[in-house]
């Protein structure tokens, strides 16, 4: 292929127009033909080993980085896989991944130099300083409020992170108030902007603070491993959630925050309650209250019924006792009643005026009187006294 001359649009020769594939193929050929296999020293980051057996990782130093691949054939011969943050010497050839148009280094040998790389050394020094001041102590972790009404979100105003947090939070709890503090999450100004935003959170009336960014390479998370950012996060006066990178990436901010979320969406799920779960809990509580009142009412009703039964039984006993007493008194009265005497066969003489004749001298010859017997009166007369 020959390089085309810069003809105007009308003078383009189709035979001299390259496709993207042609361009990448030519660039790859130039790299592989002009750059021989070399040894490269650097710090391993973003290491991934796939089921296919291939290794993918990044080598970096203080000024640059290069993506690397080590095919299964060579990876199987390696004496152990390189650890994240370790410094290694890799032997291989520069190349170009044509499909992606990405420059990469194809390694055939990776030797560990048994020391941490510069970035990992700085990370460990920061971790030690934070631990020394107790900022990584699990005992200082605060619980998230169960029903947060206001969220403070520290993240970039660009990208999908903010959209994901807002969407999930408002879906779960539509009334939630979200206060957004924009800050760069990578680059030269990221540290200062993140620190300023986190300090501003303490002047807001919020319940929970979420600090997050989307996924990326491990080196893209460097701002969230910075000691200033970590200390600013630890100084936030409300419970904090860190949602930095992917689930497999753990930054120092993740360790300092009260709660670590796997993703920004997961952070929103942890920060606010789910209205459906709250409604279900309220319904369940209402059922329990109704059931409790029903059981209480039934117990009281049964208790009242038993009390009524006892009262009725006791009243019947009292009435029965008085009835027996009245019957005894009646029997006694009957025994003392003149009518009772008549029942036993006696008779009572009475004058025609109704006066009882009690003495013998009242019975004069020829006296007419009445003789009261059991079933009535009989007229009688005295024949002789």
Protein backbone atom coordinates (compact mmCIF):
# COMPACT_ATOMS: atom_id res chain seq x y z
CA UNK A 1 0.00 0.00 0.00
CA UNK A 2 1.15 3.54 -0.77
CA UNK A 3 0.20 6.60 1.17
CA UNK A 4 -2.40 8.68 -0.71
CA UNK A 5 -1.83 12.27 -1.69
CA UNK A 6 -4.13 14.88 -0.14
CA UNK A 7 -6.44 15.25 -3.14
CA UNK A 8 -9.59 17.32 -2.79
CA UNK A 9 -12.92 15.51 -2.41
CA UNK A 10 -13.56 15.63 -6.12
CA UNK A 11 -10.16 14.18 -6.96
CA UNK A 12 -10.16 11.21 -4.57
CA UNK A 13 -8.92 7.97 -6.06
CA UNK A 14 -10.94 5.11 -4.52
CA UNK A 15 -7.97 2.82 -4.92
CA UNK A 16 -5.94 5.04 -2.62
CA UNK A 17 -8.56 5.25 0.20
CA UNK A 18 -7.71 3.05 3.20
CA UNK A 19 -10.23 1.29 5.39
CA UNK A 20 -9.85 1.35 9.14
CA UNK A 21 -8.77 -2.30 8.99
CA UNK A 22 -6.08 -1.40 6.45
CA UNK A 23 -4.83 1.40 8.67
CA UNK A 24 -4.62 -0.75 11.82
CA UNK A 25 -3.05 -3.65 9.92
CA UNK A 26 -0.34 -1.34 8.54
CA UNK A 27 0.30 0.17 11.99
CA UNK A 28 0.62 -3.29 13.52
CA UNK A 29 3.06 -4.35 10.81
CA UNK A 30 5.18 -1.25 11.40
CA UNK A 31 5.29 -1.87 15.14
CA UNK A 32 6.15 -5.56 14.95
CA UNK A 33 8.74 -5.10 12.19
CA UNK A 34 10.53 -2.13 13.70
CA UNK A 35 10.35 -2.77 17.46
CA UNK A 36 12.13 -5.94 18.59
CA UNK A 37 11.16 -7.96 21.70
CA UNK A 38 12.22 -6.07 24.83
CA UNK A 39 12.20 -6.27 28.62
CA UNK A 40 9.79 -3.84 30.28
CA UNK A 41 9.67 -3.05 34.00
CA UNK A 42 6.51 -1.75 35.61
CA UNK A 43 3.83 -2.09 38.28
CA UNK A 44 1.01 -4.58 37.66
CA UNK A 45 -2.55 -3.17 37.85
CA UNK A 46 -5.97 -4.30 36.66
CA UNK A 47 -4.85 -7.93 36.47
CA UNK A 48 -7.48 -10.37 35.20
CA UNK A 49 -7.20 -14.09 34.50
CA UNK A 50 -9.97 -15.49 32.31
CA UNK A 51 -11.32 -19.01 32.06
CA UNK A 52 -9.64 -19.31 28.69
CA UNK A 53 -6.27 -19.15 30.48
CA UNK A 54 -5.23 -15.79 29.02
CA UNK A 55 -3.94 -13.00 31.29
CA UNK A 56 -4.75 -9.33 30.79
CA UNK A 57 -3.13 -6.61 32.87
CA UNK A 58 -1.60 -3.14 32.77
CA UNK A 59 2.01 -2.17 33.41
CA UNK A 60 2.64 1.36 34.63
CA UNK A 61 5.26 3.61 36.12
CA UNK A 62 5.09 7.17 37.34
CA UNK A 63 4.63 8.62 33.86
CA UNK A 64 2.84 6.16 31.58
CA UNK A 65 1.06 2.85 31.24
CA UNK A 66 0.62 0.11 28.65
CA UNK A 67 -2.00 -2.60 28.33
CA UNK A 68 -0.58 -6.12 28.22
CA UNK A 69 -1.76 -9.60 27.25
CA UNK A 70 -0.16 -12.95 28.00
CA UNK A 71 -1.64 -15.83 26.04
CA UNK A 72 -2.50 -19.11 27.74
CA UNK A 73 0.51 -20.95 26.30
CA UNK A 74 2.91 -18.57 28.03
CA UNK A 75 0.75 -18.03 31.13
CA UNK A 76 0.83 -21.78 31.88
CA UNK A 77 4.63 -21.67 31.91
CA UNK A 78 4.81 -18.72 34.31
CA UNK A 79 5.91 -19.39 37.89
CA UNK A 80 2.83 -17.98 39.59
CA UNK A 81 0.58 -15.15 38.58
CA UNK A 82 1.72 -11.57 39.32
CA UNK A 83 0.06 -9.86 42.24
CA UNK A 84 -1.80 -6.59 41.97
CA UNK A 85 0.59 -3.71 42.66
CA UNK A 86 3.75 -5.81 42.35
CA UNK A 87 6.70 -4.69 40.27
CA UNK A 88 7.60 -7.13 37.48
CA UNK A 89 9.92 -7.49 34.53
CA UNK A 90 8.02 -8.56 31.42
CA UNK A 91 9.58 -9.79 28.17
CA UNK A 92 7.57 -9.50 24.98
CA UNK A 93 6.80 -7.62 21.79
CA UNK A 94 4.93 -4.32 21.18
CA UNK A 95 1.90 -4.81 18.97
CA UNK A 96 -1.50 -3.37 18.06
CA UNK A 97 -4.90 -4.88 18.72
CA UNK A 98 -6.39 -4.28 15.31
CA UNK A 99 -10.08 -4.70 16.28
CA UNK A 100 -9.82 -2.03 18.98
CA UNK A 101 -7.02 0.04 17.52
CA UNK A 102 -5.20 -0.20 20.87
CA UNK A 103 -1.47 -0.36 21.40
CA UNK A 104 -0.50 -3.26 23.65
CA UNK A 105 2.41 -5.33 24.80
CA UNK A 106 2.28 -9.10 24.22
CA UNK A 107 4.25 -10.69 27.05
CA UNK A 108 5.81 -14.14 26.96
CA UNK A 109 7.68 -14.00 30.28
CA UNK A 110 6.77 -12.22 33.50
CA UNK A 111 9.26 -12.21 36.37
CA UNK A 112 8.39 -10.78 39.77
CA UNK A 113 11.00 -8.48 41.24
CA UNK A 114 9.66 -9.18 44.76
CA UNK A 115 8.95 -5.57 45.58
CA UNK A 116 5.95 -3.28 45.39
CA UNK A 117 5.64 -0.75 42.64
CA UNK A 118 5.78 2.96 43.30
CA UNK A 119 2.00 3.49 43.25
CA UNK A 120 1.40 0.47 45.47
CA UNK A 121 4.04 1.71 47.90
CA UNK A 122 2.24 5.05 48.13
CA UNK A 123 -1.07 3.23 48.60
CA UNK A 124 0.30 1.14 51.45
CA UNK A 125 1.83 4.21 53.10
CA UNK A 126 -1.54 6.00 52.95
CA UNK A 127 -3.31 2.91 54.29
CA UNK A 128 -0.89 2.73 57.22
CA UNK A 129 -1.38 6.43 58.04
CA UNK A 130 -5.17 6.07 58.01
CA UNK A 131 -5.00 2.93 60.15
CA UNK A 132 -2.69 4.63 62.62
CA UNK A 133 -5.30 7.36 63.18
CA UNK A 134 -8.09 4.80 63.59
CA UNK A 135 -9.92 5.76 60.39
CA UNK A 136 -10.05 2.12 59.22
CA UNK A 137 -11.31 0.79 62.56
CA UNK A 138 -14.60 -1.11 62.05
CA UNK A 139 -15.84 0.13 65.44
CA UNK A 140 -16.18 3.68 64.11
CA UNK A 141 -18.61 2.60 61.39
CA UNK A 142 -22.05 4.21 61.72
CA UNK A 143 -25.35 2.60 60.80
CA UNK A 144 -27.39 4.06 57.97
CA UNK A 145 -30.71 5.67 58.92
CA UNK A 146 -33.65 3.43 58.14
CA UNK A 147 -35.74 6.13 56.49
CA UNK A 148 -33.46 8.78 54.98
CA UNK A 149 -35.31 11.73 53.48
CA UNK A 150 -32.35 13.71 52.07
CA UNK A 151 -29.27 12.40 50.22
CA UNK A 152 -26.03 14.27 49.52
CA UNK A 153 -24.32 12.86 46.41
CA UNK A 154 -20.68 13.66 45.62
CA UNK A 155 -19.80 12.60 42.08
CA UNK A 156 -19.19 13.86 38.58
CA UNK A 157 -22.03 15.74 36.90
CA UNK A 158 -21.21 13.88 33.71
CA UNK A 159 -21.67 10.18 33.04
CA UNK A 160 -24.19 7.61 34.15
CA UNK A 161 -23.37 7.48 37.87
CA UNK A 162 -25.54 10.43 38.89
CA UNK A 163 -28.37 9.27 36.64
CA UNK A 164 -28.27 5.76 38.15
CA UNK A 165 -28.33 7.06 41.73
CA UNK A 166 -31.20 9.48 41.11
CA UNK A 167 -33.25 6.94 39.15
CA UNK A 168 -32.90 4.16 41.71
CA UNK A 169 -33.45 6.46 44.71
CA UNK A 170 -36.61 8.07 43.30
CA UNK A 171 -37.97 4.70 42.19
CA UNK A 172 -37.58 3.31 45.70
CA UNK A 173 -38.67 6.45 47.59
CA UNK A 174 -40.21 9.14 45.32
CA UNK A 175 -40.24 11.79 48.06
CA UNK A 176 -36.47 11.65 48.65
CA UNK A 177 -34.57 14.96 48.31
CA UNK A 178 -31.23 14.69 46.49
CA UNK A 179 -28.51 17.32 46.87
CA UNK A 180 -25.78 16.94 44.23
CA UNK A 181 -22.25 18.24 44.78
CA UNK A 182 -20.38 18.00 41.51
CA UNK A 183 -16.70 17.10 41.49
CA UNK A 184 -14.24 15.60 39.06
CA UNK A 185 -13.50 11.97 39.90
CA UNK A 186 -10.25 11.60 37.99
CA UNK A 187 -7.54 13.86 36.67
CA UNK A 188 -5.35 16.55 38.15
CA UNK A 189 -8.15 18.50 39.87
CA UNK A 190 -10.08 15.49 41.17
CA UNK A 191 -8.54 15.45 44.67
CA UNK A 192 -9.13 19.13 45.43
CA UNK A 193 -12.70 19.07 44.07
CA UNK A 194 -13.62 15.93 45.98
CA UNK A 195 -12.22 17.36 49.23
CA UNK A 196 -14.14 20.62 48.72
CA UNK A 197 -17.39 18.78 47.97
CA UNK A 198 -17.06 16.48 51.01
CA UNK A 199 -16.42 19.44 53.30
CA UNK A 200 -19.51 21.14 51.91
CA UNK A 201 -21.65 18.14 52.90
CA UNK A 202 -21.24 19.09 56.57
CA UNK A 203 -23.04 22.38 55.90
CA UNK A 204 -26.07 20.66 54.40
CA UNK A 205 -29.15 19.24 56.09
CA UNK A 206 -28.77 15.68 54.77
CA UNK A 207 -29.18 12.20 56.25
CA UNK A 208 -26.72 10.17 54.15
CA UNK A 209 -23.77 11.03 51.91
CA UNK A 210 -22.92 8.95 48.81
CA UNK A 211 -19.54 9.42 47.16
CA UNK A 212 -19.03 7.51 43.94
CA UNK A 213 -17.84 7.13 40.41
CA UNK A 214 -18.30 4.62 37.63
CA UNK A 215 -16.05 1.75 36.78
CA UNK A 216 -12.65 2.09 35.21
CA UNK A 217 -9.14 0.81 35.35
CA UNK A 218 -7.52 0.58 38.77
CA UNK A 219 -5.29 3.54 38.04
CA UNK A 220 -8.41 5.65 37.33
CA UNK A 221 -9.41 5.30 40.98
CA UNK A 222 -6.29 7.01 42.30
CA UNK A 223 -8.19 10.07 43.59
CA UNK A 224 -10.17 7.81 45.93
CA UNK A 225 -6.94 6.41 47.35
CA UNK A 226 -5.61 9.88 48.14
CA UNK A 227 -5.09 10.58 51.83
CA UNK A 228 -6.71 14.03 51.67
CA UNK A 229 -9.89 12.63 50.13
CA UNK A 230 -10.01 9.77 52.63
CA UNK A 231 -9.64 12.13 55.59
CA UNK A 232 -12.28 14.49 54.20
CA UNK A 233 -14.64 11.51 53.86
CA UNK A 234 -13.91 10.41 57.43
CA UNK A 235 -14.74 13.95 58.64
CA UNK A 236 -18.25 13.91 57.16
CA UNK A 237 -20.65 14.15 60.09
CA UNK A 238 -23.42 11.98 58.61
CA UNK A 239 -23.24 8.28 57.62
CA UNK A 240 -21.36 7.75 54.36
CA UNK A 241 -21.57 5.25 51.50
CA UNK A 242 -18.66 4.69 49.11
CA UNK A 243 -19.50 3.41 45.63
CA UNK A 244 -16.22 3.61 43.74
CA UNK A 245 -15.40 1.47 40.73
CA UNK A 246 -16.56 -2.10 40.18
CA UNK A 247 -17.47 -4.66 42.77
CA UNK A 248 -13.99 -6.19 42.54
CA UNK A 249 -12.23 -2.82 43.06
CA UNK A 250 -11.64 -1.74 46.65
CA UNK A 251 -10.33 1.77 47.26
CA UNK A 252 -9.22 3.34 50.53
CA UNK A 253 -12.42 5.41 50.49
CA UNK A 254 -14.33 2.12 50.58
CA UNK A 255 -12.48 1.24 53.79
CA UNK A 256 -12.98 4.66 55.39
CA UNK A 257 -16.69 5.02 54.56
CA UNK A 258 -19.31 3.64 56.92
CA UNK A 259 -20.73 1.37 54.20
CA UNK A 260 -19.24 0.12 50.92
CA UNK A 261 -21.57 -0.37 47.95
CA UNK A 262 -20.71 -2.57 44.99
CA UNK A 263 -22.09 -0.04 42.47
CA UNK A 264 -23.68 3.43 42.51
CA UNK A 265 -27.11 1.82 42.00
CA UNK A 266 -26.47 -0.41 45.01
CA UNK A 267 -25.52 2.70 47.02
CA UNK A 268 -28.92 4.25 46.26
CA UNK A 269 -30.61 1.00 47.30
CA UNK A 270 -28.76 1.06 50.62
CA UNK A 271 -29.42 4.76 51.23
CA UNK A 272 -33.22 4.92 50.93
CA UNK A 273 -36.05 2.63 51.89
CA UNK A 274 -38.19 0.82 49.31
CA UNK A 275 -41.73 2.16 49.32
CA UNK A 276 -43.07 -1.29 48.40
CA UNK A 277 -41.32 -2.90 51.36
CA UNK A 278 -42.52 -0.12 53.69
CA UNK A 279 -46.09 -0.50 52.41
CA UNK A 280 -45.90 -4.26 52.88
CA UNK A 281 -44.51 -3.78 56.40
CA UNK A 282 -47.32 -1.35 57.26
CA UNK A 283 -49.92 -3.77 55.89
CA UNK A 284 -48.39 -6.61 57.89
CA UNK A 285 -48.38 -4.43 61.01
CA UNK A 286 -52.03 -3.54 60.44
CA UNK A 287 -52.89 -7.23 60.13
CA UNK A 288 -50.99 -8.00 63.33
CA UNK A 289 -52.76 -5.16 65.15
CA UNK A 290 -56.14 -6.30 63.86
CA UNK A 291 -55.33 -9.87 64.83
CA UNK A 292 -54.16 -8.75 68.25
CA UNK A 293 -57.30 -6.67 68.81
CA UNK A 294 -59.46 -9.55 67.61
CA UNK A 295 -57.75 -11.98 69.97
CA UNK A 296 -57.95 -9.47 72.81
CA UNK A 297 -61.65 -8.89 72.13
CA UNK A 298 -62.29 -12.61 71.98
CA UNK A 299 -60.46 -13.14 75.28
CA UNK A 300 -62.40 -10.33 76.92
CA UNK A 301 -65.64 -11.72 75.53
CA UNK A 302 -64.82 -15.16 76.84
CA UNK A 303 -63.84 -13.68 80.19
CA UNK A 304 -67.11 -11.72 80.37
CA UNK A 305 -69.05 -14.85 79.44
CA UNK A 306 -67.32 -16.80 82.20
CA UNK A 307 -67.97 -13.95 84.65
CA UNK A 308 -71.65 -13.85 83.64
CA UNK A 309 -71.87 -17.61 84.12
CA UNK A 310 -70.33 -17.32 87.56
CA UNK A 311 -72.65 -14.43 88.49
CA UNK A 312 -75.67 -16.34 87.27
CA UNK A 313 -74.61 -19.42 89.20
CA UNK A 314 -73.96 -17.38 92.32
CA UNK A 315 -77.27 -15.56 91.96
CA UNK A 316 -79.08 -18.87 91.55
CA UNK A 317 -77.33 -20.12 94.69
CA UNK A 318 -78.37 -17.02 96.64
CA UNK A 319 -81.96 -17.31 95.40
CA UNK A 320 -82.00 -21.01 96.21
CA UNK A 321 -80.65 -20.31 99.71
CA UNK A 322 -83.29 -17.67 100.37
CA UNK A 323 -85.97 -19.91 98.91
CA UNK A 324 -84.99 -22.68 101.32
CA UNK A 325 -84.95 -20.19 104.16
CA UNK A 326 -88.41 -18.90 103.19
CA UNK A 327 -89.68 -22.44 102.93
CA UNK A 328 -88.42 -23.18 106.44
CA UNK A 329 -90.00 -20.01 107.81
CA UNK A 330 -93.22 -20.83 105.98
CA UNK A 331 -93.21 -24.28 107.47
CA UNK A 332 -92.67 -22.79 110.88
CA UNK A 333 -95.51 -20.32 110.31
CA UNK A 334 -97.74 -23.08 109.08
CA UNK A 335 -96.97 -25.04 112.22
CA UNK A 336 -97.98 -22.05 114.34
CA UNK A 337 -101.01 -21.07 112.24
CA UNK A 338 -104.50 -21.88 113.58
CA UNK A 339 -105.32 -23.15 110.18
CA UNK A 340 -102.62 -25.71 110.64
CA UNK A 341 -104.27 -26.83 113.82
CA UNK A 342 -107.54 -27.21 111.95
CA UNK A 343 -105.76 -29.30 109.38
CA UNK A 344 -104.85 -31.74 112.11
CA UNK A 345 -108.59 -32.25 113.06
CA UNK A 346 -109.20 -29.54 115.60
CA UNK A 347 -112.12 -27.06 115.53
CA UNK A 348 -112.47 -23.45 116.80
CA UNK A 349 -115.75 -22.26 118.35
CA UNK A 350 -116.65 -18.71 117.41
CA UNK A 351 -119.61 -16.52 118.31
CA UNK A 352 -121.91 -15.42 115.59
CA UNK A 353 -120.09 -12.09 115.78
CA UNK A 354 -116.79 -13.80 115.04
CA UNK A 355 -115.32 -13.79 118.54
CA UNK A 356 -113.39 -16.90 119.55
CA UNK A 357 -114.96 -18.68 122.53
CA UNK A 358 -112.13 -19.65 124.80
CA UNK A 359 -113.69 -20.29 128.27
CA UNK A 360 -116.25 -22.80 129.44
CA UNK A 361 -118.49 -20.21 131.10
CA UNK A 362 -118.98 -18.60 127.69
CA UNK A 363 -120.94 -21.60 126.54
CA UNK A 364 -124.40 -20.91 128.11
CA UNK A 365 -127.37 -23.20 127.36
CA UNK A 366 -129.12 -22.26 124.15
CA UNK A 367 -126.08 -20.27 122.83
CA UNK A 368 -125.86 -20.42 119.12
CA UNK A 369 -122.29 -20.25 117.73
CA UNK A 370 -120.20 -21.29 114.76
CA UNK A 371 -117.72 -24.11 114.84
CA UNK A 372 -114.86 -23.52 112.39
CA UNK A 373 -113.37 -26.68 111.03
CA UNK A 374 -110.88 -27.44 108.24
CA UNK A 375 -113.14 -26.78 105.31
CA UNK A 376 -115.54 -24.18 106.69
CA UNK A 377 -117.98 -23.25 109.49
CA UNK A 378 -120.74 -25.32 111.03
CA UNK A 379 -123.60 -23.83 113.09
CA UNK A 380 -123.94 -25.27 116.59
CA UNK A 381 -125.98 -24.69 119.78
CA UNK A 382 -125.21 -25.36 123.44
CA UNK A 383 -127.71 -27.84 124.89
CA UNK A 384 -126.35 -27.74 128.37
CA UNK A 385 -123.39 -26.22 130.03
